[in-house]
């Protein structure tokens, strides 16, 4: 992705130099944190997950400050540029519809931080909190993505993650997120999971819409990199990797095929109205 020299966002707060250390509380340990990572990556029910996360975080943690490394500064500049791009594109798309778009904020962190939705651990991955309209980005998780996709520095797989979380902000702005969360509380667990899947797939679609309008800055292979990332975080792929079998009734984010399809649809159409992922419910 061509990003050097482009505008960076004014809505980025970097907390990576302010790390909080402490022990994981008994009763969940690493397995519990991994479960939360699976549930929270690229979405999930923030209220339920962050409450569970609070129970996972240790007590008596202390805060330490350190200067950012040159690599961290470079990653921060890349992330800030991607965020600025989403701001420009969604401001334009909303303006075309006569709607005001409030740009979200983004917090970069490592280890532990706080949000309006509760605590966040460096092991839980990125998420969007509608309570403060902020994206929380766990940079150690981004490092995992970069290692998985063999990237150095900026990586379009990371841009996809950011665009997906911004997609949740778009849903929040359009009233979709609150409507679906309210409906989910009235449904059975199985039906609620299907509704959650549709919500996550629409965020993937919106990520694709952003990529559609970002095309002049894309390098060869960028879109495939995003599609590979979408496939990697499909519920079926994650369950096979972690437990050796799949349980479709427990899916909350969609299969690899579904996630790839909806991102691709957004990229192909660039049409915000073509992302009705709820149609089959």
C-alpha atoms as a PDB file:
ATOM      1  CA  UNK A   1       0.000   0.000   0.000  1.00  0.00           C
ATOM      2  CA  UNK A   2       1.322   3.427  -0.964  1.00  0.00           C
ATOM      3  CA  UNK A   3       1.038   5.452   2.223  1.00  0.00           C
ATOM      4  CA  UNK A   4       4.238   7.432   2.774  1.00  0.00           C
ATOM      5  CA  UNK A   5       3.768  11.199   2.495  1.00  0.00           C
ATOM      6  CA  UNK A   6      -0.010  11.087   2.771  1.00  0.00           C
ATOM      7  CA  UNK A   7      -2.180  12.830   5.357  1.00  0.00           C
ATOM      8  CA  UNK A   8      -2.221  11.335   8.835  1.00  0.00           C
ATOM      9  CA  UNK A   9      -5.157  11.476  11.201  1.00  0.00           C
ATOM     10  CA  UNK A  10      -5.448  13.885  14.123  1.00  0.00           C
ATOM     11  CA  UNK A  11      -7.654  11.376  15.928  1.00  0.00           C
ATOM     12  CA  UNK A  12      -4.982   8.885  16.947  1.00  0.00           C
ATOM     13  CA  UNK A  13      -3.825   8.404  20.534  1.00  0.00           C
ATOM     14  CA  UNK A  14      -0.732   6.254  21.004  1.00  0.00           C
ATOM     15  CA  UNK A  15      -0.566   4.571  24.408  1.00  0.00           C
ATOM     16  CA  UNK A  16       2.046   1.993  23.476  1.00  0.00           C
ATOM     17  CA  UNK A  17       4.718   3.784  25.502  1.00  0.00           C
ATOM     18  CA  UNK A  18       2.496   3.453  28.571  1.00  0.00           C
ATOM     19  CA  UNK A  19       2.390  -0.261  29.308  1.00  0.00           C
ATOM     20  CA  UNK A  20       0.655  -1.838  32.282  1.00  0.00           C
ATOM     21  CA  UNK A  21       2.079  -4.995  33.753  1.00  0.00           C
ATOM     22  CA  UNK A  22       0.423  -7.542  36.004  1.00  0.00           C
ATOM     23  CA  UNK A  23      -0.529 -11.178  36.347  1.00  0.00           C
ATOM     24  CA  UNK A  24      -3.509 -12.863  34.732  1.00  0.00           C
ATOM     25  CA  UNK A  25      -6.141 -13.698  37.313  1.00  0.00           C
ATOM     26  CA  UNK A  26      -6.766 -17.289  38.257  1.00  0.00           C
ATOM     27  CA  UNK A  27      -9.771 -19.066  36.802  1.00  0.00           C
ATOM     28  CA  UNK A  28      -9.062 -18.517  33.112  1.00  0.00           C
ATOM     29  CA  UNK A  29      -5.379 -18.123  32.422  1.00  0.00           C
ATOM     30  CA  UNK A  30      -3.972 -18.305  28.930  1.00  0.00           C
ATOM     31  CA  UNK A  31      -6.827 -20.470  27.658  1.00  0.00           C
ATOM     32  CA  UNK A  32      -9.345 -17.865  28.720  1.00  0.00           C
ATOM     33  CA  UNK A  33      -7.368 -15.092  27.065  1.00  0.00           C
ATOM     34  CA  UNK A  34      -7.124 -17.087  23.825  1.00  0.00           C
ATOM     35  CA  UNK A  35     -10.891 -17.614  23.903  1.00  0.00           C
ATOM     36  CA  UNK A  36     -11.436 -13.889  24.298  1.00  0.00           C
ATOM     37  CA  UNK A  37      -9.031 -13.233  21.445  1.00  0.00           C
ATOM     38  CA  UNK A  38     -11.055 -15.495  19.173  1.00  0.00           C
ATOM     39  CA  UNK A  39     -14.320 -13.866  20.213  1.00  0.00           C
ATOM     40  CA  UNK A  40     -13.130 -10.293  20.080  1.00  0.00           C
ATOM     41  CA  UNK A  41     -10.995 -10.175  16.956  1.00  0.00           C
ATOM     42  CA  UNK A  42     -12.780  -8.038  14.376  1.00  0.00           C
ATOM     43  CA  UNK A  43     -15.843  -7.523  16.536  1.00  0.00           C
ATOM     44  CA  UNK A  44     -18.071  -9.360  18.903  1.00  0.00           C
ATOM     45  CA  UNK A  45     -20.449  -8.296  21.644  1.00  0.00           C
ATOM     46  CA  UNK A  46     -18.319  -5.662  23.361  1.00  0.00           C
ATOM     47  CA  UNK A  47     -20.340  -5.524  26.581  1.00  0.00           C
ATOM     48  CA  UNK A  48     -20.264  -9.272  27.193  1.00  0.00           C
ATOM     49  CA  UNK A  49     -16.653  -9.771  26.165  1.00  0.00           C
ATOM     50  CA  UNK A  50     -15.178  -6.834  28.042  1.00  0.00           C
ATOM     51  CA  UNK A  51     -16.982  -7.920  31.198  1.00  0.00           C
ATOM     52  CA  UNK A  52     -15.401 -11.342  30.828  1.00  0.00           C
ATOM     53  CA  UNK A  53     -12.076  -9.683  30.144  1.00  0.00           C
ATOM     54  CA  UNK A  54     -12.266  -7.755  33.399  1.00  0.00           C
ATOM     55  CA  UNK A  55     -12.369 -11.099  35.169  1.00  0.00           C
ATOM     56  CA  UNK A  56      -9.260 -12.230  33.271  1.00  0.00           C
ATOM     57  CA  UNK A  57      -7.049  -9.241  34.060  1.00  0.00           C
ATOM     58  CA  UNK A  58      -4.820  -9.414  37.100  1.00  0.00           C
ATOM     59  CA  UNK A  59      -4.939  -7.101  40.099  1.00  0.00           C
ATOM     60  CA  UNK A  60      -2.103  -4.934  41.399  1.00  0.00           C
ATOM     61  CA  UNK A  61      -0.832  -4.000  37.957  1.00  0.00           C
ATOM     62  CA  UNK A  62       1.704  -1.209  37.632  1.00  0.00           C
ATOM     63  CA  UNK A  63       2.239   1.239  34.793  1.00  0.00           C
ATOM     64  CA  UNK A  64       5.555   1.751  33.051  1.00  0.00           C
ATOM     65  CA  UNK A  65       6.569   4.300  30.426  1.00  0.00           C
ATOM     66  CA  UNK A  66       9.136   3.846  27.704  1.00  0.00           C
ATOM     67  CA  UNK A  67      10.066   5.540  24.423  1.00  0.00           C
ATOM     68  CA  UNK A  68       8.675   4.033  21.212  1.00  0.00           C
ATOM     69  CA  UNK A  69      11.043   2.174  18.940  1.00  0.00           C
ATOM     70  CA  UNK A  70      11.625   3.331  15.374  1.00  0.00           C
ATOM     71  CA  UNK A  71       9.616   0.356  14.113  1.00  0.00           C
ATOM     72  CA  UNK A  72       6.714   1.291  16.401  1.00  0.00           C
ATOM     73  CA  UNK A  73       6.825   4.870  15.149  1.00  0.00           C
ATOM     74  CA  UNK A  74       6.724   3.625  11.556  1.00  0.00           C
ATOM     75  CA  UNK A  75       3.773   1.356  12.301  1.00  0.00           C
ATOM     76  CA  UNK A  76       1.998   4.219  14.053  1.00  0.00           C
ATOM     77  CA  UNK A  77       2.471   6.463  11.023  1.00  0.00           C
ATOM     78  CA  UNK A  78       1.072   3.740   8.760  1.00  0.00           C
ATOM     79  CA  UNK A  79      -1.954   3.159  10.994  1.00  0.00           C
ATOM     80  CA  UNK A  80      -2.585   6.914  11.254  1.00  0.00           C
ATOM     81  CA  UNK A  81      -2.490   7.200   7.453  1.00  0.00           C
ATOM     82  CA  UNK A  82      -4.988   4.365   7.027  1.00  0.00           C
ATOM     83  CA  UNK A  83      -7.282   5.964   9.602  1.00  0.00           C
ATOM     84  CA  UNK A  84      -7.069   9.298   7.764  1.00  0.00           C
ATOM     85  CA  UNK A  85      -7.988   7.531   4.514  1.00  0.00           C
ATOM     86  CA  UNK A  86     -11.092   5.991   6.112  1.00  0.00           C
ATOM     87  CA  UNK A  87     -12.038   9.442   7.407  1.00  0.00           C
ATOM     88  CA  UNK A  88     -11.813  11.030   3.961  1.00  0.00           C
ATOM     89  CA  UNK A  89     -13.702   8.241   2.192  1.00  0.00           C
ATOM     90  CA  UNK A  90     -16.536   7.833   4.693  1.00  0.00           C
ATOM     91  CA  UNK A  91     -16.967  11.600   5.067  1.00  0.00           C
ATOM     92  CA  UNK A  92     -17.468  11.752   1.291  1.00  0.00           C
ATOM     93  CA  UNK A  93     -19.834   8.764   1.136  1.00  0.00           C
ATOM     94  CA  UNK A  94     -21.963  10.066   4.001  1.00  0.00           C
ATOM     95  CA  UNK A  95     -22.033  13.569   2.518  1.00  0.00           C
ATOM     96  CA  UNK A  96     -23.375  12.142  -0.739  1.00  0.00           C
ATOM     97  CA  UNK A  97     -26.297  10.776   1.265  1.00  0.00           C
ATOM     98  CA  UNK A  98     -26.821  14.009   3.168  1.00  0.00           C
ATOM     99  CA  UNK A  99     -25.629  12.479   6.444  1.00  0.00           C
ATOM    100  CA  UNK A 100     -23.051  13.906   8.832  1.00  0.00           C
ATOM    101  CA  UNK A 101     -20.218  11.510   9.599  1.00  0.00           C
ATOM    102  CA  UNK A 102     -18.509  11.779  12.977  1.00  0.00           C
ATOM    103  CA  UNK A 103     -15.001  10.477  12.551  1.00  0.00           C
ATOM    104  CA  UNK A 104     -13.977   7.875  15.144  1.00  0.00           C
ATOM    105  CA  UNK A 105     -10.939   8.031  17.354  1.00  0.00           C
ATOM    106  CA  UNK A 106      -8.296   5.341  17.560  1.00  0.00           C
ATOM    107  CA  UNK A 107      -6.159   4.230  20.486  1.00  0.00           C
ATOM    108  CA  UNK A 108      -3.021   2.197  19.930  1.00  0.00           C
ATOM    109  CA  UNK A 109      -2.016   0.175  22.959  1.00  0.00           C
ATOM    110  CA  UNK A 110      -0.083  -2.813  24.188  1.00  0.00           C
ATOM    111  CA  UNK A 111      -0.719  -5.101  27.135  1.00  0.00           C
ATOM    112  CA  UNK A 112      -3.621  -3.404  28.998  1.00  0.00           C
ATOM    113  CA  UNK A 113      -5.719  -0.265  28.566  1.00  0.00           C
ATOM    114  CA  UNK A 114      -9.179   1.060  29.407  1.00  0.00           C
ATOM    115  CA  UNK A 115     -12.132   1.956  27.173  1.00  0.00           C
ATOM    116  CA  UNK A 116     -15.716   3.082  27.709  1.00  0.00           C
ATOM    117  CA  UNK A 117     -16.632  -0.564  27.107  1.00  0.00           C
ATOM    118  CA  UNK A 118     -14.338  -1.795  29.879  1.00  0.00           C
ATOM    119  CA  UNK A 119     -10.799  -3.101  30.107  1.00  0.00           C
ATOM    120  CA  UNK A 120      -8.809  -4.325  27.145  1.00  0.00           C
ATOM    121  CA  UNK A 121      -5.836  -6.660  27.158  1.00  0.00           C
ATOM    122  CA  UNK A 122      -3.055  -6.883  24.616  1.00  0.00           C
ATOM    123  CA  UNK A 123      -4.147 -10.496  24.054  1.00  0.00           C
ATOM    124  CA  UNK A 124      -7.705  -9.687  22.979  1.00  0.00           C
ATOM    125  CA  UNK A 125      -7.065  -8.035  19.656  1.00  0.00           C
ATOM    126  CA  UNK A 126      -8.596  -4.918  18.092  1.00  0.00           C
ATOM    127  CA  UNK A 127     -12.186  -3.865  18.751  1.00  0.00           C
ATOM    128  CA  UNK A 128     -14.581  -0.951  18.350  1.00  0.00           C
ATOM    129  CA  UNK A 129     -16.276   0.600  21.382  1.00  0.00           C
ATOM    130  CA  UNK A 130     -19.473   2.506  20.505  1.00  0.00           C
ATOM    131  CA  UNK A 131     -19.537   4.043  23.992  1.00  0.00           C
ATOM    132  CA  UNK A 132     -16.682   6.391  23.119  1.00  0.00           C
ATOM    133  CA  UNK A 133     -16.708   5.869  19.328  1.00  0.00           C
ATOM    134  CA  UNK A 134     -13.132   4.666  19.457  1.00  0.00           C
ATOM    135  CA  UNK A 135     -11.171   1.869  17.812  1.00  0.00           C
ATOM    136  CA  UNK A 136      -8.787   0.089  20.177  1.00  0.00           C
ATOM    137  CA  UNK A 137      -5.868  -1.484  18.398  1.00  0.00           C
ATOM    138  CA  UNK A 138      -3.635  -4.043  20.070  1.00  0.00           C
ATOM    139  CA  UNK A 139      -0.326  -3.627  18.292  1.00  0.00           C
ATOM    140  CA  UNK A 140       1.111  -6.922  19.509  1.00  0.00           C
ATOM    141  CA  UNK A 141      -1.746  -8.601  17.690  1.00  0.00           C
ATOM    142  CA  UNK A 142      -0.809  -6.632  14.574  1.00  0.00           C
ATOM    143  CA  UNK A 143       2.702  -8.023  14.925  1.00  0.00           C
ATOM    144  CA  UNK A 144       1.170 -11.495  14.839  1.00  0.00           C
ATOM    145  CA  UNK A 145      -0.641 -10.567  11.638  1.00  0.00           C
ATOM    146  CA  UNK A 146       2.548  -9.248  10.083  1.00  0.00           C
ATOM    147  CA  UNK A 147       4.419 -12.422  10.965  1.00  0.00           C
ATOM    148  CA  UNK A 148       1.564 -14.574   9.628  1.00  0.00           C
ATOM    149  CA  UNK A 149       1.478 -12.750   6.287  1.00  0.00           C
ATOM    150  CA  UNK A 150       5.220 -12.179   6.007  1.00  0.00           C
ATOM    151  CA  UNK A 151       4.921  -8.386   5.972  1.00  0.00           C
ATOM    152  CA  UNK A 152       7.550  -5.815   6.908  1.00  0.00           C
ATOM    153  CA  UNK A 153       6.378  -2.428   8.110  1.00  0.00           C
ATOM    154  CA  UNK A 154       2.994  -1.492   6.696  1.00  0.00           C
ATOM    155  CA  UNK A 155       0.730  -4.341   5.688  1.00  0.00           C
ATOM    156  CA  UNK A 156      -2.651  -4.285   3.961  1.00  0.00           C
ATOM    157  CA  UNK A 157      -3.826  -7.087   6.242  1.00  0.00           C
ATOM    158  CA  UNK A 158      -3.531  -4.546   9.062  1.00  0.00           C
ATOM    159  CA  UNK A 159      -5.369  -1.970   6.939  1.00  0.00           C
ATOM    160  CA  UNK A 160      -8.184  -4.502   6.485  1.00  0.00           C
ATOM    161  CA  UNK A 161      -8.475  -4.922  10.256  1.00  0.00           C
ATOM    162  CA  UNK A 162      -8.671  -1.160  10.753  1.00  0.00           C
ATOM    163  CA  UNK A 163     -11.226  -0.789   7.953  1.00  0.00           C
ATOM    164  CA  UNK A 164     -13.337  -3.577   9.487  1.00  0.00           C
ATOM    165  CA  UNK A 165     -13.427  -1.834  12.861  1.00  0.00           C
ATOM    166  CA  UNK A 166     -14.267   1.448  11.135  1.00  0.00           C
ATOM    167  CA  UNK A 167     -17.058  -0.564   9.486  1.00  0.00           C
ATOM    168  CA  UNK A 168     -18.520  -1.119  12.956  1.00  0.00           C
ATOM    169  CA  UNK A 169     -18.345   2.641  13.501  1.00  0.00           C
ATOM    170  CA  UNK A 170     -20.243   3.141  10.245  1.00  0.00           C
ATOM    171  CA  UNK A 171     -22.873   0.698  11.543  1.00  0.00           C
ATOM    172  CA  UNK A 172     -23.024   2.702  14.771  1.00  0.00           C
ATOM    173  CA  UNK A 173     -23.465   5.955  12.837  1.00  0.00           C
ATOM    174  CA  UNK A 174     -26.285   4.444  10.778  1.00  0.00           C
ATOM    175  CA  UNK A 175     -28.019   3.013  13.852  1.00  0.00           C
ATOM    176  CA  UNK A 176     -27.452  -0.562  12.714  1.00  0.00           C
ATOM    177  CA  UNK A 177     -25.180  -1.623  15.555  1.00  0.00           C
ATOM    178  CA  UNK A 178     -27.546  -0.596  18.340  1.00  0.00           C
ATOM    179  CA  UNK A 179     -30.555  -2.084  16.563  1.00  0.00           C
ATOM    180  CA  UNK A 180     -28.917  -5.474  16.112  1.00  0.00           C
ATOM    181  CA  UNK A 181     -27.535  -5.538  19.641  1.00  0.00           C
ATOM    182  CA  UNK A 182     -31.014  -4.835  20.976  1.00  0.00           C
ATOM    183  CA  UNK A 183     -32.500  -7.591  18.826  1.00  0.00           C
ATOM    184  CA  UNK A 184     -29.817 -10.046  19.894  1.00  0.00           C
ATOM    185  CA  UNK A 185     -30.800  -9.744  23.543  1.00  0.00           C
ATOM    186  CA  UNK A 186     -34.308 -10.954  22.663  1.00  0.00           C
ATOM    187  CA  UNK A 187     -33.214 -13.980  20.640  1.00  0.00           C
ATOM    188  CA  UNK A 188     -32.045 -17.454  21.497  1.00  0.00           C
ATOM    189  CA  UNK A 189     -28.307 -17.991  21.564  1.00  0.00           C
ATOM    190  CA  UNK A 190     -28.332 -19.724  18.171  1.00  0.00           C
ATOM    191  CA  UNK A 191     -30.409 -16.998  16.504  1.00  0.00           C
ATOM    192  CA  UNK A 192     -28.372 -14.319  18.243  1.00  0.00           C
ATOM    193  CA  UNK A 193     -25.180 -15.829  16.892  1.00  0.00           C
ATOM    194  CA  UNK A 194     -26.570 -15.705  13.345  1.00  0.00           C
ATOM    195  CA  UNK A 195     -27.438 -12.046  13.826  1.00  0.00           C
ATOM    196  CA  UNK A 196     -23.937 -11.389  15.130  1.00  0.00           C
ATOM    197  CA  UNK A 197     -22.448 -13.130  12.097  1.00  0.00           C
ATOM    198  CA  UNK A 198     -24.469 -10.871   9.785  1.00  0.00           C
ATOM    199  CA  UNK A 199     -23.219  -7.815  11.676  1.00  0.00           C
ATOM    200  CA  UNK A 200     -19.596  -8.906  11.353  1.00  0.00           C
ATOM    201  CA  UNK A 201     -19.959  -9.733   7.663  1.00  0.00           C
ATOM    202  CA  UNK A 202     -21.410  -6.295   6.998  1.00  0.00           C
ATOM    203  CA  UNK A 203     -18.357  -4.748   8.675  1.00  0.00           C
ATOM    204  CA  UNK A 204     -16.236  -6.834   6.289  1.00  0.00           C
ATOM    205  CA  UNK A 205     -18.339  -5.486   3.418  1.00  0.00           C
ATOM    206  CA  UNK A 206     -17.781  -1.906   4.566  1.00  0.00           C
ATOM    207  CA  UNK A 207     -14.048  -2.620   4.750  1.00  0.00           C
ATOM    208  CA  UNK A 208     -14.252  -3.678   1.112  1.00  0.00           C
ATOM    209  CA  UNK A 209     -16.130  -0.485   0.219  1.00  0.00           C
ATOM    210  CA  UNK A 210     -13.283   1.535   1.711  1.00  0.00           C
ATOM    211  CA  UNK A 211     -10.735  -0.491  -0.266  1.00  0.00           C
ATOM    212  CA  UNK A 212     -12.724   0.183  -3.466  1.00  0.00           C
ATOM    213  CA  UNK A 213     -12.130   3.921  -3.098  1.00  0.00           C
ATOM    214  CA  UNK A 214      -8.515   3.398  -2.013  1.00  0.00           C
ATOM    215  CA  UNK A 215      -7.536   1.597  -5.219  1.00  0.00           C
ATOM    216  CA  UNK A 216      -5.149   4.207  -6.592  1.00  0.00           C
ATOM    217  CA  UNK A 217      -2.950   3.670  -3.544  1.00  0.00           C
ATOM    218  CA  UNK A 218      -2.973  -0.126  -3.621  1.00  0.00           C
ATOM    219  CA  UNK A 219      -0.035  -2.274  -4.608  1.00  0.00           C
ATOM    220  CA  UNK A 220      -0.303  -5.558  -6.448  1.00  0.00           C
ATOM    221  CA  UNK A 221      -1.297  -8.238  -3.995  1.00  0.00           C
ATOM    222  CA  UNK A 222      -2.870  -5.920  -1.400  1.00  0.00           C
ATOM    223  CA  UNK A 223      -6.419  -7.125  -1.950  1.00  0.00           C
ATOM    224  CA  UNK A 224      -5.349 -10.751  -1.877  1.00  0.00           C
ATOM    225  CA  UNK A 225      -3.580 -10.026   1.388  1.00  0.00           C
ATOM    226  CA  UNK A 226      -6.821  -8.669   2.864  1.00  0.00           C
ATOM    227  CA  UNK A 227      -8.753 -11.670   1.560  1.00  0.00           C
ATOM    228  CA  UNK A 228      -6.197 -14.007   3.106  1.00  0.00           C
ATOM    229  CA  UNK A 229      -6.601 -12.201   6.418  1.00  0.00           C
ATOM    230  CA  UNK A 230     -10.382 -12.499   6.184  1.00  0.00           C
ATOM    231  CA  UNK A 231     -10.045 -16.220   5.544  1.00  0.00           C
ATOM    232  CA  UNK A 232      -7.655 -16.684   8.447  1.00  0.00           C
ATOM    233  CA  UNK A 233     -10.135 -15.262  10.955  1.00  0.00           C
ATOM    234  CA  UNK A 234     -13.172 -17.206   9.748  1.00  0.00           C
ATOM    235  CA  UNK A 235     -14.925 -19.062  12.569  1.00  0.00           C
ATOM    236  CA  UNK A 236     -14.469 -22.412  10.863  1.00  0.00           C
ATOM    237  CA  UNK A 237     -10.740 -21.881  10.363  1.00  0.00           C
ATOM    238  CA  UNK A 238     -10.227 -20.687  13.936  1.00  0.00           C
ATOM    239  CA  UNK A 239     -12.193 -23.572  15.424  1.00  0.00           C
ATOM    240  CA  UNK A 240     -10.345 -26.140  13.338  1.00  0.00           C
ATOM    241  CA  UNK A 241      -7.036 -24.655  14.434  1.00  0.00           C
ATOM    242  CA  UNK A 242      -7.891 -24.434  18.131  1.00  0.00           C
ATOM    243  CA  UNK A 243     -10.101 -27.477  18.765  1.00  0.00           C
ATOM    244  CA  UNK A 244      -9.801 -29.646  15.674  1.00  0.00           C
ATOM    245  CA  UNK A 245     -13.482 -29.499  14.680  1.00  0.00           C
ATOM    246  CA  UNK A 246     -16.164 -26.926  13.913  1.00  0.00           C
ATOM    247  CA  UNK A 247     -19.458 -26.037  15.617  1.00  0.00           C
ATOM    248  CA  UNK A 248     -21.468 -23.941  13.124  1.00  0.00           C
ATOM    249  CA  UNK A 249     -24.140 -23.124  15.701  1.00  0.00           C
ATOM    250  CA  UNK A 250     -21.507 -21.248  17.727  1.00  0.00           C
ATOM    251  CA  UNK A 251     -20.197 -19.119  14.852  1.00  0.00           C
ATOM    252  CA  UNK A 252     -20.234 -15.396  15.657  1.00  0.00           C
ATOM    253  CA  UNK A 253     -18.143 -13.869  12.858  1.00  0.00           C
ATOM    254  CA  UNK A 254     -18.788 -15.983   9.768  1.00  0.00           C
ATOM    255  CA  UNK A 255     -16.907 -18.657   7.882  1.00  0.00           C
ATOM    256  CA  UNK A 256     -13.746 -17.954   5.932  1.00  0.00           C
ATOM    257  CA  UNK A 257     -15.745 -18.192   2.702  1.00  0.00           C
ATOM    258  CA  UNK A 258     -18.357 -15.733   3.942  1.00  0.00           C
ATOM    259  CA  UNK A 259     -15.798 -13.208   5.139  1.00  0.00           C
ATOM    260  CA  UNK A 260     -13.862 -13.347   1.886  1.00  0.00           C
ATOM    261  CA  UNK A 261     -17.089 -13.033  -0.129  1.00  0.00           C
ATOM    262  CA  UNK A 262     -18.444  -9.958   1.648  1.00  0.00           C
ATOM    263  CA  UNK A 263     -15.142  -8.107   1.652  1.00  0.00           C
ATOM    264  CA  UNK A 264     -14.853  -8.839  -2.066  1.00  0.00           C
ATOM    265  CA  UNK A 265     -18.403  -7.646  -2.684  1.00  0.00           C
ATOM    266  CA  UNK A 266     -17.679  -4.346  -1.000  1.00  0.00           C
ATOM    267  CA  UNK A 267     -14.509  -3.953  -3.014  1.00  0.00           C
ATOM    268  CA  UNK A 268     -16.223  -4.765  -6.310  1.00  0.00           C
ATOM    269  CA  UNK A 269     -19.289  -2.564  -5.860  1.00  0.00           C
ATOM    270  CA  UNK A 270     -18.159   0.336  -3.696  1.00  0.00           C
ATOM    271  CA  UNK A 271     -21.882   0.705  -2.976  1.00  0.00           C
ATOM    272  CA  UNK A 272     -22.815   1.139   0.675  1.00  0.00           C
ATOM    273  CA  UNK A 273     -26.370  -0.016  -0.132  1.00  0.00           C
ATOM    274  CA  UNK A 274     -25.282  -3.409  -1.448  1.00  0.00           C
ATOM    275  CA  UNK A 275     -24.205  -4.850   1.889  1.00  0.00           C
ATOM    276  CA  UNK A 276     -27.417  -6.435   3.169  1.00  0.00           C
ATOM    277  CA  UNK A 277     -25.877  -9.344   5.016  1.00  0.00           C
ATOM    278  CA  UNK A 278     -29.066  -9.755   7.055  1.00  0.00           C
ATOM    279  CA  UNK A 279     -31.167 -10.903   4.116  1.00  0.00           C
ATOM    280  CA  UNK A 280     -30.892 -14.630   4.837  1.00  0.00           C
ATOM    281  CA  UNK A 281     -31.863 -14.429   8.512  1.00  0.00           C
END
